[in-house]
C-alpha atoms as a PDB file:
ATOM      1  CA  MET A   1       0.000   0.000   0.000  1.00  0.00           C
ATOM      2  CA  ASP A   2       1.319   3.430  -0.967  1.00  0.00           C
ATOM      3  CA  THR A   3       1.282   6.341   1.447  1.00  0.00           C
ATOM      4  CA  VAL A   4       0.881  10.011   0.578  1.00  0.00           C
ATOM      5  CA  VAL A   5       2.144  12.392   3.254  1.00  0.00           C
ATOM      6  CA  LEU A   6       0.324  15.709   3.495  1.00  0.00           C
ATOM      7  CA  THR A   7       2.226  18.286   5.534  1.00  0.00           C
ATOM      8  CA  ALA A   8       0.301  21.062   7.214  1.00  0.00           C
ATOM      9  CA  LYS A   9       1.684  24.541   7.571  1.00  0.00           C
ATOM     10  CA  ILE A  10       1.130  26.322  10.870  1.00  0.00           C
ATOM     11  CA  ASP A  11       0.896  30.097  11.168  1.00  0.00           C
ATOM     12  CA  ARG A  12       0.070  32.252  14.131  1.00  0.00           C
ATOM     13  CA  ASP A  13      -1.180  35.783  14.432  1.00  0.00           C
ATOM     14  CA  GLU A  14      -1.911  37.666  17.620  1.00  0.00           C
ATOM     15  CA  ALA A  15      -5.235  35.982  18.318  1.00  0.00           C
ATOM     16  CA  ARG A  16      -5.207  32.519  16.737  1.00  0.00           C
ATOM     17  CA  TYR A  17      -3.377  29.669  15.081  1.00  0.00           C
ATOM     18  CA  LEU A  18      -4.014  28.635  11.492  1.00  0.00           C
ATOM     19  CA  ALA A  19      -3.208  25.105  10.274  1.00  0.00           C
ATOM     20  CA  ARG A  20      -3.515  24.498   6.558  1.00  0.00           C
ATOM     21  CA  ILE A  21      -2.751  22.169   3.712  1.00  0.00           C
ATOM     22  CA  GLU A  22      -2.044  24.719   1.018  1.00  0.00           C
ATOM     23  CA  ASP A  23      -2.140  22.294  -1.928  1.00  0.00           C
ATOM     24  CA  LEU A  24      -5.702  21.294  -1.071  1.00  0.00           C
ATOM     25  CA  GLY A  25      -6.991  24.646   0.188  1.00  0.00           C
ATOM     26  CA  LEU A  26      -7.939  23.176   3.573  1.00  0.00           C
ATOM     27  CA  GLU A  27      -7.661  25.309   6.724  1.00  0.00           C
ATOM     28  CA  GLY A  28      -8.318  24.835  10.404  1.00  0.00           C
ATOM     29  CA  GLU A  29      -8.048  27.470  13.080  1.00  0.00           C
ATOM     30  CA  GLY A  30      -8.121  27.742  16.825  1.00  0.00           C
ATOM     31  CA  GLU A  31      -7.032  29.738  19.830  1.00  0.00           C
ATOM     32  CA  SER A  32      -4.332  27.129  20.529  1.00  0.00           C
ATOM     33  CA  LEU A  33      -2.034  25.078  18.326  1.00  0.00           C
ATOM     34  CA  GLU A  34      -3.835  21.888  19.306  1.00  0.00           C
ATOM     35  CA  ALA A  35      -7.258  23.399  18.555  1.00  0.00           C
ATOM     36  CA  ALA A  36      -6.105  24.467  15.074  1.00  0.00           C
ATOM     37  CA  GLN A  37      -4.664  21.014  14.394  1.00  0.00           C
ATOM     38  CA  ASP A  38      -7.840  19.293  15.598  1.00  0.00           C
ATOM     39  CA  ASP A  39      -9.949  21.608  13.436  1.00  0.00           C
ATOM     40  CA  LEU A  40      -7.852  20.813  10.359  1.00  0.00           C
ATOM     41  CA  ILE A  41      -8.110  17.073  11.049  1.00  0.00           C
ATOM     42  CA  GLN A  42     -11.911  17.306  11.170  1.00  0.00           C
ATOM     43  CA  ILE A  43     -12.013  19.435   8.002  1.00  0.00           C
ATOM     44  CA  MET A  44      -9.703  17.001   6.201  1.00  0.00           C
ATOM     45  CA  ARG A  45     -11.839  14.008   7.248  1.00  0.00           C
ATOM     46  CA  ALA A  46     -14.977  15.711   5.939  1.00  0.00           C
ATOM     47  CA  TRP A  47     -13.168  16.634   2.705  1.00  0.00           C
ATOM     48  CA  ILE A  48     -11.991  13.038   2.201  1.00  0.00           C
ATOM     49  CA  GLU A  49     -15.454  11.624   2.919  1.00  0.00           C
ATOM     50  CA  ALA A  50     -17.097  14.066   0.500  1.00  0.00           C
ATOM     51  CA  HIS A  51     -14.687  13.170  -2.312  1.00  0.00           C
ATOM     52  CA  ASP A  52     -14.564   9.474  -1.498  1.00  0.00           C
ATOM     53  CA  GLY A  53     -18.347   9.242  -1.540  1.00  0.00           C
ATOM     54  CA  SER A  54     -18.449  10.721  -5.040  1.00  0.00           C
ATOM     55  CA  ASP A  55     -15.374   8.822  -6.317  1.00  0.00           C
ATOM     56  CA  THR A  56     -13.485  12.079  -6.959  1.00  0.00           C
ATOM     57  CA  LEU A  57     -10.781  11.757  -4.282  1.00  0.00           C
ATOM     58  CA  GLY A  58      -8.076  10.579  -6.695  1.00  0.00           C
ATOM     59  CA  ASP A  59      -8.914  13.361  -9.157  1.00  0.00           C
ATOM     60  CA  ALA A  60      -8.891  16.047  -6.436  1.00  0.00           C
ATOM     61  CA  LEU A  61      -5.519  14.854  -5.130  1.00  0.00           C
ATOM     62  CA  ALA A  62      -4.094  14.580  -8.657  1.00  0.00           C
ATOM     63  CA  ALA A  63      -5.155  18.173  -9.357  1.00  0.00           C
ATOM     64  CA  ALA A  64      -3.154  19.198  -6.277  1.00  0.00           C
ATOM     65  CA  GLY A  65      -0.066  17.336  -7.531  1.00  0.00           C
ATOM     66  CA  TYR A  66      -0.518  14.013  -5.726  1.00  0.00           C
ATOM     67  CA  LEU A  67      -0.578  11.595  -8.648  1.00  0.00           C
ATOM     68  CA  GLY A  68      -1.420   7.902  -8.609  1.00  0.00           C
ATOM     69  CA  VAL A  69      -3.677   7.974  -5.544  1.00  0.00           C
ATOM     70  CA  ASP A  70      -6.316   5.265  -5.483  1.00  0.00           C
ATOM     71  CA  GLU A  71      -8.631   3.722  -2.909  1.00  0.00           C
ATOM     72  CA  GLU A  72      -5.768   1.640  -1.483  1.00  0.00           C
ATOM     73  CA  THR A  73      -3.525   4.676  -0.854  1.00  0.00           C
ATOM     74  CA  GLU A  74      -3.100   5.738   2.754  1.00  0.00           C
ATOM     75  CA  LEU A  75      -3.212   9.475   3.439  1.00  0.00           C
ATOM     76  CA  GLN A  76      -1.061  10.671   6.317  1.00  0.00           C
ATOM     77  CA  LEU A  77      -1.304  14.183   7.770  1.00  0.00           C
ATOM     78  CA  GLU A  78       1.804  15.548   9.462  1.00  0.00           C
ATOM     79  CA  PHE A  79       2.232  18.652  11.539  1.00  0.00           C
ATOM     80  CA  PRO A  80       5.758  20.088  11.650  1.00  0.00           C
ATOM     81  CA  GLU A  81       7.113  21.500  14.874  1.00  0.00           C
ATOM     82  CA  PRO A  82       6.141  25.178  14.964  1.00  0.00           C
ATOM     83  CA  ASP A  83       8.846  27.801  14.967  1.00  0.00           C
ATOM     84  CA  PRO A  84       9.452  29.260  18.412  1.00  0.00           C
ATOM     85  CA  PRO A  85       7.587  32.528  18.895  1.00  0.00           C
ATOM     86  CA  GLN A  86       9.565  35.709  18.584  1.00  0.00           C
ATOM     87  CA  ASP A  87       8.645  38.792  20.491  1.00  0.00           C
ATOM     88  CA  ARG A  88       7.681  41.971  18.676  1.00  0.00           C
ATOM     89  CA  GLU A  89      10.816  43.830  19.767  1.00  0.00           C
ATOM     90  CA  GLN A  90      13.054  41.170  18.227  1.00  0.00           C
ATOM     91  CA  LEU A  91      11.022  41.193  15.005  1.00  0.00           C
ATOM     92  CA  ALA A  92      11.241  44.985  14.816  1.00  0.00           C
ATOM     93  CA  GLN A  93      15.029  44.850  15.196  1.00  0.00           C
ATOM     94  CA  GLU A  94      15.309  42.319  12.382  1.00  0.00           C
ATOM     95  CA  SER A  95      13.301  44.478   9.976  1.00  0.00           C
END
């Protein structure tokens, strides 16, 4: 069985975290890192179920650059370690 690894990107602004899979246009958000990750997992599950139910999952993944995906392919979602937060003063000095 083949495995396709989807890597989420994590961003943070002042009020929330955003977890997304850019290639697929899927986003989850939350007030904490874990909440954003959980939200993205639920959104991804719903997205997979919607496409799988209409037999368009392989086509949707191929359009995003993930070729050769079929019903036997395992999809794996990974979350990279987030960058350590930098304070505003340090960011201002770097600009």
